[in-house]
Amino acid sequence: MALREKVVPLAYGNVLEVGMGSAVNMALYDPAKVNMVWGLEPSVGMRKKALKNLAKSSIHVEWLSLPGEKIPLDNNSVDSVVLTYTLCTIPDWRAAMQQIHRVLKTDGKILFCEHGQAPDHSVKKWQNRLNSMWGNCFGGCNLNRPMIENIQSSGFTIDWVESSYIKGTPKFASYISVGVAAKNTK
């Protein structure tokens, strides 16, 4: 939650949260800055788990039950996109990022907190070895996606990023990048 606290409160306007899950981020949104949230979450079970967190928030949420590769919103309709621990799981992350690029306004921002490929060769080696087994155990999660590179290659520029290992967690599963990216308009 401490890492989420660095980016979720930066959300503003009409927000798209991809992979909303149990709506744990709702407590971190600033109601003075956020008009509403589109919660993209294809899992009915996760949407049911979210009811308790949604009830504690004054921010209006509209559920989108399609996967991230099929965002049913108009072009340039979103002010900010929140991605917290979700890009690792989306099967076709490229298609999802294309959809995010499409719906995000020209001056919009992506606010992200994602785990992924570590910079250390020995850790990367273990991430690659364990990735398939890890994904089978943890809902398709990928340990070895190079998150910053993936965001940049999808038409975004990193405004700022902090990356580090989380202490007390095995390195192969704990390399986290937190930051903000802007939509390239060229």
N, C-alpha and C. Protein backbone atom coordinates (compact mmCIF):
# COMPACT_ATOMS: atom_id res chain seq x y z
N MET A 1 0.83 -1.20 0.00
CA MET A 1 0.00 0.00 0.00
C MET A 1 0.87 1.26 0.00
N ALA A 2 2.02 1.20 0.66
CA ALA A 2 2.89 2.38 0.71
C ALA A 2 3.33 2.78 -0.69
N LEU A 3 3.57 1.81 -1.56
CA LEU A 3 3.96 2.13 -2.93
C LEU A 3 2.77 2.67 -3.74
N ARG A 4 1.61 2.09 -3.54
CA ARG A 4 0.40 2.60 -4.20
C ARG A 4 0.14 4.05 -3.80
N GLU A 5 0.44 4.38 -2.54
CA GLU A 5 0.20 5.73 -2.02
C GLU A 5 1.02 6.79 -2.75
N LYS A 6 2.07 6.37 -3.45
CA LYS A 6 2.89 7.33 -4.18
C LYS A 6 2.22 7.79 -5.48
N VAL A 7 1.33 6.98 -6.05
CA VAL A 7 0.76 7.33 -7.35
C VAL A 7 -0.76 7.47 -7.39
N VAL A 8 -1.49 6.64 -6.67
CA VAL A 8 -2.95 6.69 -6.77
C VAL A 8 -3.51 8.06 -6.39
N PRO A 9 -3.01 8.73 -5.34
CA PRO A 9 -3.54 10.06 -5.01
C PRO A 9 -3.29 11.11 -6.09
N LEU A 10 -2.44 10.83 -7.06
CA LEU A 10 -2.18 11.76 -8.17
C LEU A 10 -3.27 11.70 -9.24
N ALA A 11 -4.13 10.70 -9.18
CA ALA A 11 -5.20 10.55 -10.18
C ALA A 11 -6.12 11.76 -10.16
N TYR A 12 -6.63 12.10 -11.35
CA TYR A 12 -7.49 13.28 -11.46
C TYR A 12 -8.51 13.09 -12.59
N GLY A 13 -9.60 13.86 -12.51
CA GLY A 13 -10.61 13.86 -13.56
C GLY A 13 -11.34 12.54 -13.66
N ASN A 14 -11.60 12.13 -14.91
CA ASN A 14 -12.22 10.84 -15.18
C ASN A 14 -11.10 9.80 -15.26
N VAL A 15 -11.12 8.88 -14.32
CA VAL A 15 -10.02 7.93 -14.13
C VAL A 15 -10.43 6.56 -14.66
N LEU A 16 -9.49 5.89 -15.31
CA LEU A 16 -9.64 4.49 -15.67
C LEU A 16 -8.66 3.70 -14.82
N GLU A 17 -9.18 2.80 -13.99
CA GLU A 17 -8.30 1.90 -13.24
C GLU A 17 -8.39 0.53 -13.89
N VAL A 18 -7.28 0.10 -14.46
CA VAL A 18 -7.22 -1.18 -15.16
C VAL A 18 -6.85 -2.27 -14.16
N GLY A 19 -7.69 -3.31 -14.08
CA GLY A 19 -7.47 -4.37 -13.10
C GLY A 19 -7.82 -3.89 -11.71
N MET A 20 -9.03 -3.38 -11.53
CA MET A 20 -9.42 -2.76 -10.27
C MET A 20 -9.48 -3.76 -9.11
N GLY A 21 -9.69 -5.02 -9.42
CA GLY A 21 -9.68 -6.04 -8.38
C GLY A 21 -10.67 -5.76 -7.26
N SER A 22 -10.20 -5.82 -6.04
CA SER A 22 -11.06 -5.63 -4.86
C SER A 22 -11.25 -4.16 -4.51
N ALA A 23 -10.85 -3.27 -5.38
CA ALA A 23 -11.00 -1.82 -5.19
C ALA A 23 -10.22 -1.29 -3.99
N VAL A 24 -9.09 -1.92 -3.69
CA VAL A 24 -8.26 -1.50 -2.56
C VAL A 24 -7.74 -0.07 -2.75
N ASN A 25 -7.61 0.38 -3.99
CA ASN A 25 -7.11 1.74 -4.24
C ASN A 25 -8.13 2.83 -3.93
N MET A 26 -9.39 2.49 -3.77
CA MET A 26 -10.42 3.53 -3.58
C MET A 26 -10.10 4.44 -2.40
N ALA A 27 -9.54 3.91 -1.34
CA ALA A 27 -9.21 4.71 -0.15
C ALA A 27 -8.11 5.73 -0.44
N LEU A 28 -7.39 5.55 -1.55
CA LEU A 28 -6.26 6.43 -1.86
C LEU A 28 -6.60 7.55 -2.84
N TYR A 29 -7.74 7.45 -3.50
CA TYR A 29 -8.15 8.51 -4.44
C TYR A 29 -8.54 9.76 -3.67
N ASP A 30 -8.22 10.91 -4.24
CA ASP A 30 -8.60 12.21 -3.65
C ASP A 30 -9.93 12.64 -4.26
N PRO A 31 -11.03 12.60 -3.49
CA PRO A 31 -12.36 12.94 -4.02
C PRO A 31 -12.44 14.39 -4.54
N ALA A 32 -11.54 15.25 -4.11
CA ALA A 32 -11.55 16.63 -4.59
C ALA A 32 -10.98 16.73 -6.00
N LYS A 33 -10.22 15.71 -6.44
CA LYS A 33 -9.59 15.74 -7.76
C LYS A 33 -10.20 14.76 -8.76
N VAL A 34 -10.92 13.76 -8.26
CA VAL A 34 -11.43 12.69 -9.12
C VAL A 34 -12.94 12.86 -9.34
N ASN A 35 -13.35 12.95 -10.61
CA ASN A 35 -14.78 13.04 -10.94
C ASN A 35 -15.46 11.69 -10.78
N MET A 36 -14.85 10.67 -11.35
CA MET A 36 -15.37 9.30 -11.30
C MET A 36 -14.28 8.34 -11.72
N VAL A 37 -14.54 7.04 -11.47
CA VAL A 37 -13.58 6.00 -11.84
C VAL A 37 -14.31 4.93 -12.66
N TRP A 38 -13.72 4.62 -13.82
CA TRP A 38 -14.14 3.43 -14.55
C TRP A 38 -13.27 2.31 -14.03
N GLY A 39 -13.88 1.31 -13.43
CA GLY A 39 -13.14 0.18 -12.88
C GLY A 39 -13.16 -0.98 -13.85
N LEU A 40 -12.07 -1.18 -14.55
CA LEU A 40 -11.97 -2.28 -15.50
C LEU A 40 -11.59 -3.54 -14.74
N GLU A 41 -12.53 -4.49 -14.65
CA GLU A 41 -12.29 -5.72 -13.92
C GLU A 41 -13.18 -6.82 -14.49
N PRO A 42 -12.58 -7.75 -15.25
CA PRO A 42 -13.38 -8.80 -15.87
C PRO A 42 -13.87 -9.88 -14.90
N SER A 43 -13.28 -9.98 -13.71
CA SER A 43 -13.64 -11.04 -12.77
C SER A 43 -14.85 -10.65 -11.91
N VAL A 44 -15.92 -11.43 -12.04
CA VAL A 44 -17.13 -11.20 -11.24
C VAL A 44 -16.80 -11.37 -9.76
N GLY A 45 -15.97 -12.36 -9.44
CA GLY A 45 -15.58 -12.59 -8.05
C GLY A 45 -14.86 -11.40 -7.43
N MET A 46 -13.97 -10.79 -8.20
CA MET A 46 -13.24 -9.62 -7.69
C MET A 46 -14.19 -8.43 -7.53
N ARG A 47 -15.13 -8.27 -8.44
CA ARG A 47 -16.10 -7.16 -8.31
C ARG A 47 -16.96 -7.34 -7.06
N LYS A 48 -17.28 -8.58 -6.72
CA LYS A 48 -18.03 -8.83 -5.48
C LYS A 48 -17.18 -8.48 -4.26
N LYS A 49 -15.89 -8.86 -4.31
CA LYS A 49 -14.99 -8.52 -3.19
C LYS A 49 -14.83 -7.01 -3.04
N ALA A 50 -15.01 -6.28 -4.12
CA ALA A 50 -14.82 -4.83 -4.10
C ALA A 50 -15.95 -4.08 -3.41
N LEU A 51 -17.10 -4.69 -3.25
CA LEU A 51 -18.27 -3.99 -2.72
C LEU A 51 -18.00 -3.29 -1.38
N LYS A 52 -17.25 -3.94 -0.50
CA LYS A 52 -16.95 -3.36 0.81
C LYS A 52 -16.12 -2.08 0.66
N ASN A 53 -15.10 -2.09 -0.20
CA ASN A 53 -14.26 -0.91 -0.40
C ASN A 53 -15.01 0.20 -1.14
N LEU A 54 -15.86 -0.18 -2.06
CA LEU A 54 -16.65 0.82 -2.79
C LEU A 54 -17.62 1.53 -1.87
N ALA A 55 -18.20 0.81 -0.91
CA ALA A 55 -19.16 1.39 0.03
C ALA A 55 -18.53 2.46 0.92
N LYS A 56 -17.22 2.40 1.11
CA LYS A 56 -16.52 3.36 1.96
C LYS A 56 -16.11 4.63 1.22
N SER A 57 -16.34 4.68 -0.09
CA SER A 57 -15.87 5.81 -0.90
C SER A 57 -17.03 6.62 -1.44
N SER A 58 -16.83 7.92 -1.54
CA SER A 58 -17.84 8.80 -2.12
C SER A 58 -17.68 8.94 -3.63
N ILE A 59 -16.64 8.36 -4.18
CA ILE A 59 -16.36 8.48 -5.62
C ILE A 59 -17.19 7.47 -6.39
N HIS A 60 -17.87 7.95 -7.42
CA HIS A 60 -18.69 7.08 -8.27
C HIS A 60 -17.81 6.17 -9.12
N VAL A 61 -18.15 4.87 -9.15
CA VAL A 61 -17.42 3.89 -9.95
C VAL A 61 -18.38 3.24 -10.92
N GLU A 62 -17.95 3.16 -12.17
CA GLU A 62 -18.68 2.40 -13.19
C GLU A 62 -17.81 1.22 -13.58
N TRP A 63 -18.37 0.02 -13.45
CA TRP A 63 -17.63 -1.18 -13.79
C TRP A 63 -17.58 -1.39 -15.29
N LEU A 64 -16.44 -1.80 -15.77
CA LEU A 64 -16.25 -2.25 -17.14
C LEU A 64 -15.80 -3.71 -17.01
N SER A 65 -16.60 -4.63 -17.53
CA SER A 65 -16.33 -6.04 -17.27
C SER A 65 -15.52 -6.73 -18.36
N LEU A 66 -15.04 -5.98 -19.32
CA LEU A 66 -14.22 -6.57 -20.37
C LEU A 66 -12.75 -6.60 -19.94
N PRO A 67 -11.94 -7.42 -20.59
CA PRO A 67 -10.51 -7.42 -20.27
C PRO A 67 -9.81 -6.16 -20.77
N GLY A 68 -8.60 -5.93 -20.30
CA GLY A 68 -7.84 -4.73 -20.64
C GLY A 68 -7.57 -4.55 -22.12
N GLU A 69 -7.63 -5.63 -22.87
CA GLU A 69 -7.39 -5.54 -24.30
C GLU A 69 -8.58 -4.96 -25.06
N LYS A 70 -9.72 -4.79 -24.37
CA LYS A 70 -10.95 -4.31 -25.02
C LYS A 70 -11.62 -3.25 -24.15
N ILE A 71 -11.05 -2.08 -24.09
CA ILE A 71 -11.60 -1.02 -23.24
C ILE A 71 -12.75 -0.33 -23.97
N PRO A 72 -13.98 -0.46 -23.46
CA PRO A 72 -15.16 0.07 -24.15
C PRO A 72 -15.43 1.56 -23.86
N LEU A 73 -14.41 2.39 -24.05
CA LEU A 73 -14.57 3.83 -23.83
C LEU A 73 -14.20 4.56 -25.11
N ASP A 74 -14.69 5.80 -25.24
CA ASP A 74 -14.40 6.62 -26.41
C ASP A 74 -12.94 7.05 -26.43
N ASN A 75 -12.45 7.34 -27.61
CA ASN A 75 -11.11 7.91 -27.76
C ASN A 75 -11.01 9.19 -26.94
N ASN A 76 -9.85 9.43 -26.34
CA ASN A 76 -9.56 10.67 -25.61
C ASN A 76 -10.62 11.00 -24.56
N SER A 77 -11.08 10.00 -23.81
CA SER A 77 -12.13 10.22 -22.82
C SER A 77 -11.64 10.11 -21.37
N VAL A 78 -10.38 9.75 -21.18
CA VAL A 78 -9.85 9.49 -19.84
C VAL A 78 -8.75 10.50 -19.51
N ASP A 79 -8.83 11.07 -18.30
CA ASP A 79 -7.81 12.03 -17.86
C ASP A 79 -6.58 11.34 -17.28
N SER A 80 -6.80 10.29 -16.50
CA SER A 80 -5.67 9.56 -15.90
C SER A 80 -6.01 8.08 -15.81
N VAL A 81 -4.96 7.26 -15.95
CA VAL A 81 -5.08 5.81 -15.90
C VAL A 81 -4.25 5.32 -14.72
N VAL A 82 -4.84 4.45 -13.92
CA VAL A 82 -4.15 3.87 -12.77
C VAL A 82 -3.88 2.39 -13.07
N LEU A 83 -2.62 2.02 -12.96
CA LEU A 83 -2.17 0.64 -13.15
C LEU A 83 -1.41 0.22 -11.90
N THR A 84 -1.99 -0.65 -11.09
CA THR A 84 -1.28 -1.14 -9.91
C THR A 84 -1.29 -2.66 -9.93
N TYR A 85 -0.12 -3.22 -10.16
CA TYR A 85 0.08 -4.66 -10.16
C TYR A 85 -0.89 -5.36 -11.12
N THR A 86 -1.00 -4.84 -12.33
CA THR A 86 -1.92 -5.42 -13.29
C THR A 86 -1.29 -5.75 -14.64
N LEU A 87 -0.30 -4.97 -15.08
CA LEU A 87 0.30 -5.23 -16.39
C LEU A 87 1.01 -6.58 -16.44
N CYS A 88 1.36 -7.10 -15.29
CA CYS A 88 2.04 -8.40 -15.24
C CYS A 88 1.09 -9.54 -15.60
N THR A 89 -0.21 -9.31 -15.49
CA THR A 89 -1.19 -10.38 -15.63
C THR A 89 -1.94 -10.35 -16.96
N ILE A 90 -2.08 -9.18 -17.57
CA ILE A 90 -2.86 -9.07 -18.80
C ILE A 90 -2.19 -9.90 -19.89
N PRO A 91 -2.92 -10.89 -20.45
CA PRO A 91 -2.31 -11.77 -21.45
C PRO A 91 -1.69 -11.01 -22.63
N ASP A 92 -2.43 -10.11 -23.25
CA ASP A 92 -1.90 -9.35 -24.38
C ASP A 92 -1.68 -7.91 -23.92
N TRP A 93 -0.58 -7.70 -23.20
CA TRP A 93 -0.32 -6.37 -22.63
C TRP A 93 -0.17 -5.31 -23.72
N ARG A 94 0.32 -5.69 -24.90
CA ARG A 94 0.48 -4.72 -26.00
C ARG A 94 -0.87 -4.17 -26.44
N ALA A 95 -1.84 -5.06 -26.61
CA ALA A 95 -3.19 -4.62 -27.00
C ALA A 95 -3.79 -3.75 -25.91
N ALA A 96 -3.57 -4.12 -24.65
CA ALA A 96 -4.09 -3.31 -23.54
C ALA A 96 -3.48 -1.91 -23.54
N MET A 97 -2.17 -1.83 -23.76
CA MET A 97 -1.51 -0.52 -23.79
C MET A 97 -1.97 0.30 -24.99
N GLN A 98 -2.24 -0.34 -26.11
CA GLN A 98 -2.79 0.39 -27.27
C GLN A 98 -4.15 0.98 -26.92
N GLN A 99 -4.96 0.20 -26.21
CA GLN A 99 -6.28 0.69 -25.80
C GLN A 99 -6.15 1.84 -24.79
N ILE A 100 -5.22 1.73 -23.88
CA ILE A 100 -4.98 2.81 -22.91
C ILE A 100 -4.54 4.07 -23.64
N HIS A 101 -3.65 3.93 -24.59
CA HIS A 101 -3.18 5.07 -25.39
C HIS A 101 -4.36 5.71 -26.13
N ARG A 102 -5.24 4.90 -26.66
CA ARG A 102 -6.39 5.39 -27.42
C ARG A 102 -7.37 6.19 -26.55
N VAL A 103 -7.67 5.68 -25.35
CA VAL A 103 -8.69 6.33 -24.52
C VAL A 103 -8.14 7.50 -23.71
N LEU A 104 -6.82 7.56 -23.51
CA LEU A 104 -6.21 8.62 -22.71
C LEU A 104 -6.16 9.93 -23.49
N LYS A 105 -6.56 11.01 -22.83
CA LYS A 105 -6.49 12.34 -23.46
C LYS A 105 -5.04 12.71 -23.75
N THR A 106 -4.86 13.64 -24.67
CA THR A 106 -3.52 14.05 -25.10
C THR A 106 -2.64 14.46 -23.92
N ASP A 107 -3.21 15.16 -22.96
CA ASP A 107 -2.44 15.61 -21.80
C ASP A 107 -2.61 14.68 -20.60
N GLY A 108 -3.14 13.47 -20.85
CA GLY A 108 -3.39 12.52 -19.78
C GLY A 108 -2.12 11.86 -19.24
N LYS A 109 -2.27 11.20 -18.11
CA LYS A 109 -1.14 10.55 -17.44
C LYS A 109 -1.48 9.11 -17.07
N ILE A 110 -0.46 8.26 -17.13
CA ILE A 110 -0.55 6.92 -16.56
C ILE A 110 0.17 6.97 -15.22
N LEU A 111 -0.48 6.48 -14.19
CA LEU A 111 0.08 6.41 -12.85
C LEU A 111 0.26 4.92 -12.54
N PHE A 112 1.49 4.49 -12.36
CA PHE A 112 1.72 3.05 -12.27
C PHE A 112 2.54 2.63 -11.06
N CYS A 113 2.24 1.43 -10.62
CA CYS A 113 2.98 0.73 -9.58
C CYS A 113 2.96 -0.73 -10.01
N GLU A 114 4.05 -1.18 -10.59
CA GLU A 114 4.10 -2.49 -11.23
C GLU A 114 5.37 -3.24 -10.85
N HIS A 115 5.26 -4.55 -10.72
CA HIS A 115 6.46 -5.36 -10.52
C HIS A 115 6.85 -5.98 -11.85
N GLY A 116 8.13 -6.27 -12.00
CA GLY A 116 8.56 -6.84 -13.26
C GLY A 116 10.02 -7.24 -13.26
N GLN A 117 10.57 -7.27 -14.46
CA GLN A 117 11.93 -7.74 -14.69
C GLN A 117 12.95 -6.92 -13.90
N ALA A 118 13.78 -7.62 -13.17
CA ALA A 118 14.82 -6.99 -12.37
C ALA A 118 16.02 -6.62 -13.24
N PRO A 119 16.83 -5.66 -12.80
CA PRO A 119 18.00 -5.27 -13.58
C PRO A 119 19.19 -6.21 -13.40
N ASP A 120 19.20 -6.99 -12.35
CA ASP A 120 20.34 -7.86 -12.04
C ASP A 120 20.23 -9.17 -12.81
N HIS A 121 21.31 -9.52 -13.51
CA HIS A 121 21.31 -10.72 -14.36
C HIS A 121 20.93 -11.98 -13.58
N SER A 122 21.48 -12.15 -12.38
CA SER A 122 21.20 -13.37 -11.61
C SER A 122 19.73 -13.44 -11.20
N VAL A 123 19.12 -12.30 -10.90
CA VAL A 123 17.69 -12.28 -10.53
C VAL A 123 16.84 -12.54 -11.76
N LYS A 124 17.20 -11.91 -12.89
CA LYS A 124 16.48 -12.13 -14.15
C LYS A 124 16.47 -13.62 -14.52
N LYS A 125 17.60 -14.26 -14.30
CA LYS A 125 17.71 -15.68 -14.62
C LYS A 125 16.67 -16.48 -13.84
N TRP A 126 16.52 -16.17 -12.55
CA TRP A 126 15.52 -16.86 -11.72
C TRP A 126 14.10 -16.47 -12.13
N GLN A 127 13.90 -15.22 -12.48
CA GLN A 127 12.57 -14.81 -12.94
C GLN A 127 12.17 -15.60 -14.18
N ASN A 128 13.09 -15.76 -15.11
CA ASN A 128 12.80 -16.52 -16.33
C ASN A 128 12.54 -18.00 -16.02
N ARG A 129 13.31 -18.56 -15.12
CA ARG A 129 13.13 -19.97 -14.74
C ARG A 129 11.78 -20.22 -14.08
N LEU A 130 11.39 -19.31 -13.20
CA LEU A 130 10.19 -19.50 -12.39
C LEU A 130 8.90 -18.95 -13.03
N ASN A 131 9.03 -18.21 -14.11
CA ASN A 131 7.89 -17.47 -14.65
C ASN A 131 6.68 -18.34 -14.96
N SER A 132 6.86 -19.43 -15.64
CA SER A 132 5.74 -20.29 -16.04
C SER A 132 5.03 -20.87 -14.81
N MET A 133 5.80 -21.42 -13.90
CA MET A 133 5.22 -21.99 -12.68
C MET A 133 4.51 -20.90 -11.86
N TRP A 134 5.16 -19.76 -11.73
CA TRP A 134 4.60 -18.63 -10.98
C TRP A 134 3.26 -18.22 -11.59
N GLY A 135 3.23 -18.08 -12.90
CA GLY A 135 1.99 -17.69 -13.58
C GLY A 135 0.87 -18.68 -13.36
N ASN A 136 1.20 -19.97 -13.36
CA ASN A 136 0.18 -21.00 -13.11
C ASN A 136 -0.38 -20.91 -11.69
N CYS A 137 0.45 -20.54 -10.75
CA CYS A 137 0.02 -20.45 -9.34
C CYS A 137 -0.65 -19.12 -9.00
N PHE A 138 -0.29 -18.05 -9.73
CA PHE A 138 -0.75 -16.71 -9.35
C PHE A 138 -1.49 -16.00 -10.49
N GLY A 139 -2.48 -16.67 -11.04
CA GLY A 139 -3.42 -16.05 -11.97
C GLY A 139 -2.82 -15.48 -13.24
N GLY A 140 -1.77 -16.08 -13.74
CA GLY A 140 -1.18 -15.59 -14.99
C GLY A 140 -0.17 -14.49 -14.83
N CYS A 141 0.20 -14.19 -13.61
CA CYS A 141 1.19 -13.15 -13.33
C CYS A 141 2.54 -13.52 -13.93
N ASN A 142 3.18 -12.55 -14.57
CA ASN A 142 4.51 -12.73 -15.15
C ASN A 142 5.54 -11.98 -14.31
N LEU A 143 6.59 -12.68 -13.92
CA LEU A 143 7.66 -12.08 -13.13
C LEU A 143 8.62 -11.25 -13.97
N ASN A 144 8.72 -11.56 -15.26
CA ASN A 144 9.84 -11.07 -16.05
C ASN A 144 9.49 -10.08 -17.15
N ARG A 145 8.39 -9.38 -17.03
CA ARG A 145 8.07 -8.37 -18.03
C ARG A 145 8.84 -7.08 -17.71
N PRO A 146 9.54 -6.52 -18.70
CA PRO A 146 10.27 -5.26 -18.48
C PRO A 146 9.29 -4.08 -18.53
N MET A 147 8.74 -3.74 -17.40
CA MET A 147 7.61 -2.79 -17.33
C MET A 147 7.92 -1.42 -17.92
N ILE A 148 9.02 -0.83 -17.56
CA ILE A 148 9.33 0.51 -18.07
C ILE A 148 9.49 0.48 -19.58
N GLU A 149 10.22 -0.50 -20.07
CA GLU A 149 10.40 -0.66 -21.52
C GLU A 149 9.04 -0.87 -22.21
N ASN A 150 8.17 -1.68 -21.61
CA ASN A 150 6.86 -1.93 -22.20
C ASN A 150 6.00 -0.67 -22.25
N ILE A 151 6.04 0.12 -21.21
CA ILE A 151 5.27 1.38 -21.18
C ILE A 151 5.81 2.33 -22.24
N GLN A 152 7.12 2.48 -22.30
CA GLN A 152 7.72 3.39 -23.27
C GLN A 152 7.47 2.94 -24.71
N SER A 153 7.54 1.67 -24.98
CA SER A 153 7.35 1.18 -26.34
C SER A 153 5.89 1.25 -26.78
N SER A 154 5.01 1.60 -25.86
CA SER A 154 3.57 1.69 -26.16
C SER A 154 3.13 3.12 -26.43
N GLY A 155 4.07 4.03 -26.59
CA GLY A 155 3.72 5.40 -26.93
C GLY A 155 3.65 6.35 -25.75
N PHE A 156 4.43 6.06 -24.72
CA PHE A 156 4.44 6.90 -23.52
C PHE A 156 5.87 7.29 -23.16
N THR A 157 5.99 8.45 -22.52
CA THR A 157 7.27 8.93 -22.00
C THR A 157 7.19 8.91 -20.48
N ILE A 158 8.23 8.40 -19.86
CA ILE A 158 8.25 8.35 -18.40
C ILE A 158 8.57 9.74 -17.86
N ASP A 159 7.66 10.31 -17.06
CA ASP A 159 7.90 11.60 -16.40
C ASP A 159 8.83 11.42 -15.21
N TRP A 160 8.54 10.43 -14.40
CA TRP A 160 9.43 10.07 -13.29
C TRP A 160 9.15 8.62 -12.92
N VAL A 161 10.17 7.98 -12.38
CA VAL A 161 10.04 6.60 -11.95
C VAL A 161 11.02 6.33 -10.81
N GLU A 162 10.60 5.52 -9.87
CA GLU A 162 11.44 5.00 -8.80
C GLU A 162 11.34 3.48 -8.89
N SER A 163 12.47 2.81 -8.94
CA SER A 163 12.47 1.35 -9.01
C SER A 163 13.38 0.79 -7.94
N SER A 164 12.92 -0.27 -7.29
CA SER A 164 13.73 -0.91 -6.26
C SER A 164 13.12 -2.26 -5.88
N TYR A 165 13.92 -3.03 -5.13
CA TYR A 165 13.42 -4.28 -4.57
C TYR A 165 12.70 -3.97 -3.26
N ILE A 166 11.66 -4.72 -2.98
CA ILE A 166 10.96 -4.60 -1.70
C ILE A 166 11.71 -5.46 -0.69
N LYS A 167 12.08 -4.87 0.42
CA LYS A 167 12.80 -5.61 1.46
C LYS A 167 11.89 -6.67 2.08
N GLY A 168 12.48 -7.81 2.39
CA GLY A 168 11.73 -8.88 3.05
C GLY A 168 10.96 -9.77 2.09
N THR A 169 11.11 -9.55 0.79
CA THR A 169 10.43 -10.34 -0.23
C THR A 169 11.51 -10.91 -1.14
N PRO A 170 11.31 -12.14 -1.62
CA PRO A 170 12.33 -12.70 -2.53
C PRO A 170 12.55 -11.78 -3.73
N LYS A 171 13.80 -11.57 -4.08
CA LYS A 171 14.13 -10.63 -5.16
C LYS A 171 13.45 -10.95 -6.48
N PHE A 172 13.27 -12.22 -6.78
CA PHE A 172 12.67 -12.58 -8.06
C PHE A 172 11.23 -12.08 -8.20
N ALA A 173 10.59 -11.76 -7.08
CA ALA A 173 9.19 -11.32 -7.12
C ALA A 173 8.99 -9.91 -6.58
N SER A 174 10.08 -9.17 -6.39
CA SER A 174 9.91 -7.91 -5.66
C SER A 174 10.51 -6.68 -6.32
N TYR A 175 10.83 -6.73 -7.60
CA TYR A 175 11.37 -5.54 -8.24
C TYR A 175 10.19 -4.68 -8.71
N ILE A 176 10.00 -3.54 -8.08
CA ILE A 176 8.82 -2.69 -8.29
C ILE A 176 9.24 -1.36 -8.91
N SER A 177 8.43 -0.92 -9.87
CA SER A 177 8.61 0.41 -10.48
C SER A 177 7.34 1.21 -10.23
N VAL A 178 7.52 2.40 -9.66
CA VAL A 178 6.43 3.31 -9.36
C VAL A 178 6.70 4.60 -10.10
N GLY A 179 5.69 5.13 -10.81
CA GLY A 179 5.95 6.37 -11.53
C GLY A 179 4.77 6.90 -12.30
N VAL A 180 5.08 7.87 -13.14
CA VAL A 180 4.09 8.56 -13.97
C VAL A 180 4.61 8.60 -15.40
N ALA A 181 3.71 8.34 -16.35
CA ALA A 181 4.06 8.41 -17.76
C ALA A 181 3.06 9.29 -18.50
N ALA A 182 3.55 10.00 -19.51
CA ALA A 182 2.71 10.88 -20.32
C ALA A 182 2.57 10.30 -21.71
N LYS A 183 1.46 10.60 -22.33
CA LYS A 183 1.17 10.12 -23.68
C LYS A 183 2.03 10.88 -24.69
N ASN A 184 2.73 10.13 -25.54
CA ASN A 184 3.47 10.77 -26.63
C ASN A 184 2.45 11.26 -27.66
N THR A 185 2.67 12.45 -28.15
CA THR A 185 1.73 13.01 -29.12
C THR A 185 2.34 13.17 -30.50
N LYS A 186 3.57 12.73 -30.69
CA LYS A 186 4.25 12.86 -31.98
C LYS A 186 3.78 11.80 -32.95
